[in-house]
Structure formats: structure tokens, C-alpha cells
Amino acid sequence: MKFYYASPHASAPEIEVIDSASCVGGYALKPRHDLATEYGPAQIAIALIADATGDDQKALTHYKAFCMRVLLPFQNHEWELSQEDVRQAVMDIERDHPHRHTETARGKAGRRI
């Protein structure tokens, strides 16, 4: 099980990951600029979802809703989320917007190059 900690005291919040399965115990959550060039809370949402679920596509599909529902209420505050908290939030978003993943996949497939 992983736990994610953020402190608002840094100029750019760094998310610390405590991972009971890791031999080093804790490490900084790496931004996922390889997935999207977002910054701030949006990039944190992408990195959190990708790390907690292991699903990069899920992170790209749901990061905006996750940011609004989960991260923005904590803005400028210290916070802690478990891996299960992140997964549950994503499942709630998927339940509330069941067609979002299908529409995203169709939109990409239907574009002309």
C-alpha cells in the first residue's frame, strides 16, 4: 500500500510517496511530463492516478475531474491520500461519467491525420 503526502510550504509542492513494498521506503512522486505537459495540480493529478492505478490512459482520461474533486479542495493545505483513496476517487469519477472513456477513445480513433 502506498501513501501520498503533500506539504504546501514548498514553492512547488513535492509529493512524497511512502511505499511499504519499496526497499527504500519513501521517494518523491515523479511528474509525468511524458504523458502530458500540464503543470501544478493537473500534473500532480496525472502522476497520482498513473502511480496509484498503474494505468497511464486512466490518468489522462480522468485527471481534470480528479483535480477538481480531490486536489483543489486541499490547495494550500497539507494533505495525505492513500493509494486506495486515489483508486476509489477514480472509480467514483468513472461511475459518474461512464461514457467519458468511450468518448475519449472514439475521439482519438476518429481523427484524421
C-alpha atoms as a PDB file:
ATOM      1  CA  MET A   1       0.000   0.000   0.000  1.00  0.00           C
ATOM      2  CA  LYS A   2       1.221   3.473  -0.878  1.00  0.00           C
ATOM      3  CA  PHE A   3       0.533   6.766   0.835  1.00  0.00           C
ATOM      4  CA  TYR A   4       0.975  10.180  -0.768  1.00  0.00           C
ATOM      5  CA  TYR A   5       1.884  13.264   1.277  1.00  0.00           C
ATOM      6  CA  ALA A   6       1.988  16.902   0.175  1.00  0.00           C
ATOM      7  CA  SER A   7       3.134  19.964   2.021  1.00  0.00           C
ATOM      8  CA  PRO A   8       2.091  23.448   0.888  1.00  0.00           C
ATOM      9  CA  HIS A   9       5.262  25.000   2.276  1.00  0.00           C
ATOM     10  CA  ALA A  10       7.368  24.437  -0.831  1.00  0.00           C
ATOM     11  CA  SER A  11       7.133  26.844  -3.764  1.00  0.00           C
ATOM     12  CA  ALA A  12       6.120  23.887  -5.927  1.00  0.00           C
ATOM     13  CA  PRO A  13       4.520  21.109  -3.891  1.00  0.00           C
ATOM     14  CA  GLU A  14       6.515  17.922  -3.876  1.00  0.00           C
ATOM     15  CA  ILE A  15       4.564  14.756  -3.279  1.00  0.00           C
ATOM     16  CA  GLU A  16       6.268  12.199  -1.076  1.00  0.00           C
ATOM     17  CA  VAL A  17       5.333   8.570  -1.620  1.00  0.00           C
ATOM     18  CA  ILE A  18       5.579   6.128   1.261  1.00  0.00           C
ATOM     19  CA  ASP A  19       5.546   2.643  -0.243  1.00  0.00           C
ATOM     20  CA  SER A  20       5.566  -0.362   2.063  1.00  0.00           C
ATOM     21  CA  ALA A  21       6.634  -2.572  -0.872  1.00  0.00           C
ATOM     22  CA  SER A  22       9.667  -0.417  -1.713  1.00  0.00           C
ATOM     23  CA  CYS A  23      13.086  -1.237  -0.294  1.00  0.00           C
ATOM     24  CA  VAL A  24      13.825   2.498   0.123  1.00  0.00           C
ATOM     25  CA  GLY A  25      10.504   3.169   1.852  1.00  0.00           C
ATOM     26  CA  GLY A  26       9.869   6.688   0.579  1.00  0.00           C
ATOM     27  CA  TYR A  27      10.574   8.696  -2.539  1.00  0.00           C
ATOM     28  CA  ALA A  28       9.337  11.742  -4.418  1.00  0.00           C
ATOM     29  CA  LEU A  29       6.489  11.210  -6.876  1.00  0.00           C
ATOM     30  CA  LYS A  30       7.878  11.826 -10.349  1.00  0.00           C
ATOM     31  CA  PRO A  31       5.963  14.228 -12.565  1.00  0.00           C
ATOM     32  CA  ARG A  32       4.646  12.513 -15.671  1.00  0.00           C
ATOM     33  CA  HIS A  33       5.554  15.083 -18.318  1.00  0.00           C
ATOM     34  CA  ASP A  34       5.912  12.128 -20.684  1.00  0.00           C
ATOM     35  CA  LEU A  35       2.101  11.810 -20.560  1.00  0.00           C
ATOM     36  CA  ALA A  36       1.082  15.479 -20.687  1.00  0.00           C
ATOM     37  CA  THR A  37       2.665  18.898 -20.427  1.00  0.00           C
ATOM     38  CA  GLU A  38       0.370  20.032 -17.625  1.00  0.00           C
ATOM     39  CA  TYR A  39       1.719  21.784 -14.536  1.00  0.00           C
ATOM     40  CA  GLY A  40       0.605  22.386 -10.963  1.00  0.00           C
ATOM     41  CA  PRO A  41      -2.383  20.449  -9.631  1.00  0.00           C
ATOM     42  CA  ALA A  42      -3.152  18.939 -13.060  1.00  0.00           C
ATOM     43  CA  GLN A  43       0.313  17.373 -13.289  1.00  0.00           C
ATOM     44  CA  ILE A  44       0.027  16.116  -9.722  1.00  0.00           C
ATOM     45  CA  ALA A  45      -3.330  14.513 -10.593  1.00  0.00           C
ATOM     46  CA  ILE A  46      -1.830  12.785 -13.644  1.00  0.00           C
ATOM     47  CA  ALA A  47       1.135  11.486 -11.649  1.00  0.00           C
ATOM     48  CA  LEU A  48      -1.016  10.340  -8.708  1.00  0.00           C
ATOM     49  CA  ILE A  49      -3.538   8.456 -10.848  1.00  0.00           C
ATOM     50  CA  ALA A  50      -0.845   6.850 -13.001  1.00  0.00           C
ATOM     51  CA  ASP A  51       1.144   5.784  -9.947  1.00  0.00           C
ATOM     52  CA  ALA A  52      -1.801   4.550  -7.871  1.00  0.00           C
ATOM     53  CA  THR A  53      -3.587   2.677 -10.674  1.00  0.00           C
ATOM     54  CA  GLY A  54      -0.673   1.741 -12.932  1.00  0.00           C
ATOM     55  CA  ASP A  55      -2.814   2.946 -15.858  1.00  0.00           C
ATOM     56  CA  ASP A  56      -1.480   5.906 -17.852  1.00  0.00           C
ATOM     57  CA  GLN A  57      -4.594   6.118 -20.050  1.00  0.00           C
ATOM     58  CA  LYS A  58      -6.826   6.280 -16.985  1.00  0.00           C
ATOM     59  CA  ALA A  59      -4.677   9.140 -15.690  1.00  0.00           C
ATOM     60  CA  LEU A  60      -5.075  11.079 -18.940  1.00  0.00           C
ATOM     61  CA  THR A  61      -8.805  10.426 -19.107  1.00  0.00           C
ATOM     62  CA  HIS A  62      -9.700  11.418 -15.540  1.00  0.00           C
ATOM     63  CA  TYR A  63      -7.080  13.886 -14.280  1.00  0.00           C
ATOM     64  CA  LYS A  64      -9.224  17.017 -14.737  1.00  0.00           C
ATOM     65  CA  ALA A  65     -12.152  15.634 -12.741  1.00  0.00           C
ATOM     66  CA  PHE A  66      -9.737  14.224 -10.118  1.00  0.00           C
ATOM     67  CA  CYS A  67      -8.057  17.597  -9.807  1.00  0.00           C
ATOM     68  CA  MET A  68     -11.395  19.368  -9.257  1.00  0.00           C
ATOM     69  CA  ARG A  69     -12.838  16.796  -6.842  1.00  0.00           C
ATOM     70  CA  VAL A  70      -9.797  15.750  -4.858  1.00  0.00           C
ATOM     71  CA  LEU A  71      -6.857  18.136  -5.137  1.00  0.00           C
ATOM     72  CA  LEU A  72      -8.324  21.638  -5.386  1.00  0.00           C
ATOM     73  CA  PRO A  73     -10.129  21.431  -2.019  1.00  0.00           C
ATOM     74  CA  PHE A  74      -6.686  20.805  -0.436  1.00  0.00           C
ATOM     75  CA  GLN A  75      -4.965  23.666  -2.263  1.00  0.00           C
ATOM     76  CA  ASN A  76      -2.559  25.486   0.070  1.00  0.00           C
ATOM     77  CA  HIS A  77      -3.005  22.807   2.746  1.00  0.00           C
ATOM     78  CA  GLU A  78      -1.044  19.773   3.792  1.00  0.00           C
ATOM     79  CA  TRP A  79      -2.715  16.555   2.685  1.00  0.00           C
ATOM     80  CA  GLU A  80      -2.395  12.793   2.715  1.00  0.00           C
ATOM     81  CA  LEU A  81      -4.055  10.256   0.424  1.00  0.00           C
ATOM     82  CA  SER A  82      -3.722   6.511   0.360  1.00  0.00           C
ATOM     83  CA  GLN A  83      -3.384   4.552  -2.857  1.00  0.00           C
ATOM     84  CA  GLU A  84      -6.879   3.236  -2.158  1.00  0.00           C
ATOM     85  CA  ASP A  85      -8.213   6.822  -1.788  1.00  0.00           C
ATOM     86  CA  VAL A  86      -6.894   7.636  -5.270  1.00  0.00           C
ATOM     87  CA  ARG A  87      -8.280   4.430  -6.798  1.00  0.00           C
ATOM     88  CA  GLN A  88     -11.680   4.982  -5.172  1.00  0.00           C
ATOM     89  CA  ALA A  89     -11.858   8.582  -6.409  1.00  0.00           C
ATOM     90  CA  VAL A  90     -11.126   7.398  -9.952  1.00  0.00           C
ATOM     91  CA  MET A  91     -13.808   4.691  -9.683  1.00  0.00           C
ATOM     92  CA  ASP A  92     -16.282   7.337  -8.469  1.00  0.00           C
ATOM     93  CA  ILE A  93     -15.421   9.555 -11.440  1.00  0.00           C
ATOM     94  CA  GLU A  94     -15.862   6.617 -13.824  1.00  0.00           C
ATOM     95  CA  ARG A  95     -19.220   5.791 -12.221  1.00  0.00           C
ATOM     96  CA  ASP A  96     -20.415   9.393 -12.515  1.00  0.00           C
ATOM     97  CA  HIS A  97     -19.174   9.724 -16.129  1.00  0.00           C
ATOM     98  CA  PRO A  98     -19.485   6.217 -17.620  1.00  0.00           C
ATOM     99  CA  HIS A  99     -19.119   7.382 -21.237  1.00  0.00           C
ATOM    100  CA  ARG A 100     -16.017   9.532 -20.770  1.00  0.00           C
ATOM    101  CA  HIS A 101     -13.541   6.720 -21.505  1.00  0.00           C
ATOM    102  CA  THR A 102     -15.511   5.506 -24.542  1.00  0.00           C
ATOM    103  CA  GLU A 103     -15.868   9.032 -25.956  1.00  0.00           C
ATOM    104  CA  THR A 104     -12.159   9.732 -25.497  1.00  0.00           C
ATOM    105  CA  ALA A 105     -11.214   6.525 -27.304  1.00  0.00           C
ATOM    106  CA  ARG A 106     -13.656   7.237 -30.141  1.00  0.00           C
ATOM    107  CA  GLY A 107     -12.429  10.805 -30.499  1.00  0.00           C
ATOM    108  CA  LYS A 108      -8.833   9.668 -30.919  1.00  0.00           C
ATOM    109  CA  ALA A 109      -9.744   6.884 -33.327  1.00  0.00           C
ATOM    110  CA  GLY A 110     -11.942   9.160 -35.426  1.00  0.00           C
ATOM    111  CA  ARG A 111      -9.388  11.919 -36.045  1.00  0.00           C
ATOM    112  CA  ARG A 112      -7.850  12.270 -39.436  1.00  0.00           C
ATOM    113  CA  ILE A 113      -4.122  12.746 -39.726  1.00  0.00           C
END
